[in-house]
C-alpha atoms as a PDB file:
ATOM      1  CA  MET A   1       0.000   0.000   0.000  1.00  0.00           C
ATOM      2  CA  GLU A   2       1.248   3.461  -0.880  1.00  0.00           C
ATOM      3  CA  THR A   3       2.045   5.919   1.871  1.00  0.00           C
ATOM      4  CA  THR A   4       1.103   9.602   1.736  1.00  0.00           C
ATOM      5  CA  ASN A   5       4.813  10.451   1.539  1.00  0.00           C
ATOM      6  CA  GLN A   6       5.256   8.203  -1.523  1.00  0.00           C
ATOM      7  CA  ALA A   7       2.305   9.837  -3.270  1.00  0.00           C
ATOM      8  CA  GLN A   8       3.701  13.303  -2.520  1.00  0.00           C
ATOM      9  CA  GLN A   9       7.108  12.346  -3.963  1.00  0.00           C
ATOM     10  CA  ARG A  10       5.642  10.759  -7.089  1.00  0.00           C
ATOM     11  CA  LEU A  11       6.871  12.101 -10.406  1.00  0.00           C
ATOM     12  CA  PHE A  12       4.796  12.278 -13.554  1.00  0.00           C
ATOM     13  CA  GLN A  13       5.970  11.608 -17.079  1.00  0.00           C
ATOM     14  CA  TRP A  14       4.404  12.903 -20.274  1.00  0.00           C
ATOM     15  CA  THR A  15       5.276  10.740 -23.271  1.00  0.00           C
ATOM     16  CA  VAL A  16       4.706  11.471 -26.936  1.00  0.00           C
ATOM     17  CA  CYS A  17       4.917   8.632 -29.435  1.00  0.00           C
ATOM     18  CA  ALA A  18       5.777  10.846 -32.365  1.00  0.00           C
ATOM     19  CA  TYR A  19       5.638  10.496 -36.112  1.00  0.00           C
ATOM     20  CA  ARG A  20       7.458  12.883 -38.417  1.00  0.00           C
ATOM     21  CA  ARG A  21       5.788  14.825 -41.181  1.00  0.00           C
ATOM     22  CA  PRO A  22       5.608  12.535 -44.243  1.00  0.00           C
ATOM     23  CA  ASP A  23       7.598  14.984 -46.391  1.00  0.00           C
ATOM     24  CA  LEU A  24      10.630  14.894 -44.063  1.00  0.00           C
ATOM     25  CA  SER A  25      13.374  12.288 -44.242  1.00  0.00           C
ATOM     26  CA  GLU A  26      14.479  10.594 -41.024  1.00  0.00           C
ATOM     27  CA  LYS A  27      17.683  12.627 -41.112  1.00  0.00           C
ATOM     28  CA  GLU A  28      15.837  15.945 -41.559  1.00  0.00           C
ATOM     29  CA  TYR A  29      13.358  15.101 -38.811  1.00  0.00           C
ATOM     30  CA  HIS A  30      15.892  14.020 -36.210  1.00  0.00           C
ATOM     31  CA  ALA A  31      18.145  16.986 -36.995  1.00  0.00           C
ATOM     32  CA  TYR A  32      15.222  19.388 -36.564  1.00  0.00           C
ATOM     33  CA  MET A  33      14.186  17.787 -33.282  1.00  0.00           C
ATOM     34  CA  SER A  34      17.693  17.868 -31.800  1.00  0.00           C
ATOM     35  CA  GLU A  35      19.040  21.087 -33.269  1.00  0.00           C
ATOM     36  CA  LYS A  36      15.961  23.332 -33.386  1.00  0.00           C
ATOM     37  CA  HIS A  37      12.977  22.121 -31.374  1.00  0.00           C
ATOM     38  CA  GLY A  38      14.916  20.876 -28.329  1.00  0.00           C
ATOM     39  CA  PRO A  39      16.870  24.111 -27.918  1.00  0.00           C
ATOM     40  CA  LEU A  40      13.679  26.110 -28.527  1.00  0.00           C
ATOM     41  CA  VAL A  41      11.764  24.497 -25.644  1.00  0.00           C
ATOM     42  CA  LYS A  42      14.357  23.678 -22.999  1.00  0.00           C
ATOM     43  CA  GLY A  43      14.657  27.121 -21.405  1.00  0.00           C
ATOM     44  CA  LEU A  44      10.909  27.399 -20.928  1.00  0.00           C
ATOM     45  CA  LEU A  45      10.718  23.863 -19.534  1.00  0.00           C
ATOM     46  CA  VAL A  46      13.339  24.778 -16.932  1.00  0.00           C
ATOM     47  CA  LYS A  47      11.410  27.952 -16.068  1.00  0.00           C
ATOM     48  CA  TYR A  48       8.381  25.847 -15.124  1.00  0.00           C
ATOM     49  CA  GLY A  49      10.279  23.274 -13.078  1.00  0.00           C
ATOM     50  CA  ILE A  50      10.323  20.410 -15.546  1.00  0.00           C
ATOM     51  CA  ILE A  51      12.860  17.913 -14.202  1.00  0.00           C
ATOM     52  CA  ARG A  52      13.779  16.123 -17.409  1.00  0.00           C
ATOM     53  CA  PHE A  53      13.084  16.460 -21.133  1.00  0.00           C
ATOM     54  CA  SER A  54      14.347  13.736 -23.450  1.00  0.00           C
ATOM     55  CA  MET A  55      14.028  12.587 -27.030  1.00  0.00           C
ATOM     56  CA  ILE A  56      14.496   8.925 -27.851  1.00  0.00           C
ATOM     57  CA  HIS A  57      15.238   8.710 -31.567  1.00  0.00           C
ATOM     58  CA  ASN A  58      13.734   5.559 -33.093  1.00  0.00           C
ATOM     59  CA  THR A  59      15.243   5.248 -36.573  1.00  0.00           C
ATOM     60  CA  THR A  60      15.271   2.542 -39.218  1.00  0.00           C
ATOM     61  CA  GLU A  61      18.781   1.650 -38.040  1.00  0.00           C
ATOM     62  CA  THR A  62      17.962   1.502 -34.327  1.00  0.00           C
ATOM     63  CA  ARG A  63      14.824  -0.554 -34.997  1.00  0.00           C
ATOM     64  CA  LYS A  64      17.049  -3.228 -36.591  1.00  0.00           C
ATOM     65  CA  GLN A  65      18.644  -3.673 -33.164  1.00  0.00           C
ATOM     66  CA  MET A  66      15.342  -4.976 -31.800  1.00  0.00           C
ATOM     67  CA  ALA A  67      16.116  -8.454 -33.183  1.00  0.00           C
ATOM     68  CA  LYS A  68      18.995  -8.642 -30.684  1.00  0.00           C
ATOM     69  CA  ILE A  69      16.840  -7.549 -27.750  1.00  0.00           C
ATOM     70  CA  VAL A  70      13.533  -9.384 -28.096  1.00  0.00           C
ATOM     71  CA  GLY A  71      12.318 -12.712 -29.385  1.00  0.00           C
ATOM     72  CA  PRO A  72       9.056 -13.921 -30.882  1.00  0.00           C
ATOM     73  CA  GLN A  73       7.109 -13.220 -27.677  1.00  0.00           C
ATOM     74  CA  PHE A  74       7.283  -9.477 -28.442  1.00  0.00           C
ATOM     75  CA  ASN A  75       7.120  -9.273 -32.213  1.00  0.00           C
ATOM     76  CA  ASN A  76       5.204  -5.994 -32.622  1.00  0.00           C
ATOM     77  CA  HIS A  77       7.801  -3.247 -32.739  1.00  0.00           C
ATOM     78  CA  ALA A  78       6.898   0.430 -32.469  1.00  0.00           C
ATOM     79  CA  ASP A  79       7.360   2.340 -35.702  1.00  0.00           C
ATOM     80  CA  TYR A  80       7.234   5.819 -34.179  1.00  0.00           C
ATOM     81  CA  ASP A  81      10.030   8.149 -35.248  1.00  0.00           C
ATOM     82  CA  CYS A  82      10.691   9.491 -31.768  1.00  0.00           C
ATOM     83  CA  PHE A  83       9.558   9.229 -28.181  1.00  0.00           C
ATOM     84  CA  VAL A  84       9.550  12.558 -26.380  1.00  0.00           C
ATOM     85  CA  GLN A  85       9.369  12.536 -22.599  1.00  0.00           C
ATOM     86  CA  ALA A  86       9.085  15.197 -19.930  1.00  0.00           C
ATOM     87  CA  VAL A  87       9.228  14.454 -16.206  1.00  0.00           C
ATOM     88  CA  PHE A  88       7.708  16.784 -13.624  1.00  0.00           C
ATOM     89  CA  LYS A  89       6.585  16.868  -9.993  1.00  0.00           C
ATOM     90  CA  ASP A  90       3.160  18.317 -10.653  1.00  0.00           C
ATOM     91  CA  VAL A  91       0.993  18.143 -13.757  1.00  0.00           C
ATOM     92  CA  GLU A  92       0.177  21.820 -13.161  1.00  0.00           C
ATOM     93  CA  ASP A  93       3.830  22.679 -13.890  1.00  0.00           C
ATOM     94  CA  PHE A  94       3.360  21.319 -17.401  1.00  0.00           C
ATOM     95  CA  VAL A  95       0.000  23.073 -17.720  1.00  0.00           C
ATOM     96  CA  ARG A  96       1.682  26.395 -16.842  1.00  0.00           C
ATOM     97  CA  PHE A  97       4.445  25.700 -19.375  1.00  0.00           C
ATOM     98  CA  LYS A  98       1.845  25.243 -22.129  1.00  0.00           C
ATOM     99  CA  ALA A  99      -0.020  28.409 -21.063  1.00  0.00           C
ATOM    100  CA  ASP A 100       3.092  30.613 -21.259  1.00  0.00           C
ATOM    101  CA  PRO A 101       2.830  33.214 -24.060  1.00  0.00           C
ATOM    102  CA  PHE A 102       6.085  31.975 -25.663  1.00  0.00           C
ATOM    103  CA  TYR A 103       4.677  28.456 -25.857  1.00  0.00           C
ATOM    104  CA  VAL A 104       1.374  29.705 -27.268  1.00  0.00           C
ATOM    105  CA  GLU A 105       2.947  32.067 -29.807  1.00  0.00           C
ATOM    106  CA  VAL A 106       6.069  30.143 -30.858  1.00  0.00           C
ATOM    107  CA  ILE A 107       6.489  26.573 -29.608  1.00  0.00           C
ATOM    108  CA  HIS A 108       2.931  25.464 -30.332  1.00  0.00           C
ATOM    109  CA  HIS A 109       3.310  26.461 -33.984  1.00  0.00           C
ATOM    110  CA  ASP A 110       6.789  24.922 -34.269  1.00  0.00           C
ATOM    111  CA  HIS A 111       5.256  21.437 -34.118  1.00  0.00           C
ATOM    112  CA  GLU A 112       3.899  21.984 -37.629  1.00  0.00           C
ATOM    113  CA  ASN A 113       7.503  22.167 -38.888  1.00  0.00           C
ATOM    114  CA  PHE A 114       8.270  18.527 -38.077  1.00  0.00           C
ATOM    115  CA  ALA A 115       5.404  16.566 -36.481  1.00  0.00           C
ATOM    116  CA  ASP A 116       2.613  14.527 -37.984  1.00  0.00           C
ATOM    117  CA  THR A 117       0.138  15.683 -35.359  1.00  0.00           C
ATOM    118  CA  THR A 118      -2.665  13.558 -36.798  1.00  0.00           C
ATOM    119  CA  ARG A 119      -0.827  10.273 -36.135  1.00  0.00           C
ATOM    120  CA  SER A 120       1.284  11.011 -33.060  1.00  0.00           C
ATOM    121  CA  ARG A 121      -0.040   9.851 -29.695  1.00  0.00           C
ATOM    122  CA  MET A 122       0.617  10.993 -26.128  1.00  0.00           C
ATOM    123  CA  THR A 123      -0.090  10.053 -22.557  1.00  0.00           C
ATOM    124  CA  VAL A 124       0.828  10.978 -18.994  1.00  0.00           C
ATOM    125  CA  GLY A 125       1.433   8.670 -16.063  1.00  0.00           C
ATOM    126  CA  TRP A 126       3.313   8.437 -12.802  1.00  0.00           C
ATOM    127  CA  VAL A 127       6.867   7.104 -12.672  1.00  0.00           C
ATOM    128  CA  ASP A 128       7.665   3.914 -10.753  1.00  0.00           C
ATOM    129  CA  ASP A 129      11.469   3.505 -10.776  1.00  0.00           C
ATOM    130  CA  HIS A 130      12.977   0.133  -9.862  1.00  0.00           C
ATOM    131  CA  VAL A 131      16.544   0.777 -11.047  1.00  0.00           C
ATOM    132  CA  LEU A 132      17.879   4.331 -11.083  1.00  0.00           C
ATOM    133  CA  ASN A 133      21.437   5.452 -11.844  1.00  0.00           C
ATOM    134  CA  GLY A 134      22.566   1.824 -11.912  1.00  0.00           C
ATOM    135  CA  LYS A 135      21.179   1.059  -8.453  1.00  0.00           C
ATOM    136  CA  SER A 136      18.169  -0.858  -7.226  1.00  0.00           C
ATOM    137  CA  VAL A 137      15.451   1.401  -5.838  1.00  0.00           C
ATOM    138  CA  ASP A 138      13.455   0.345  -2.777  1.00  0.00           C
END
């Protein structure tokens, strides 16, 4: 059973399973994400207390590595181009980030430069770490 202290210390993670715009190559998409979009958003994320913001680039080449990792039990591999994750203490921190005028006027519109917003999916959930920084978590 969860204690009140554990619930208060719980972190939340927002995850986007992202597809690139169909007219962009993998190289163009990943370069834009890393070199333009990431730098564009990181300062504002810090301003609103976001703990971590990461992009996991899922390319044709990295997907080939799945054969080494999984067997036939897990044969349905994700074809998303990128997984974008933000970790925060309070969902309201992320809400405030998205309400900031810079987000509304600039960042929101930047998604149209690289994202297939009709196919991408997102979710939010709480984080339950079992190994962190190479150590078992109790």
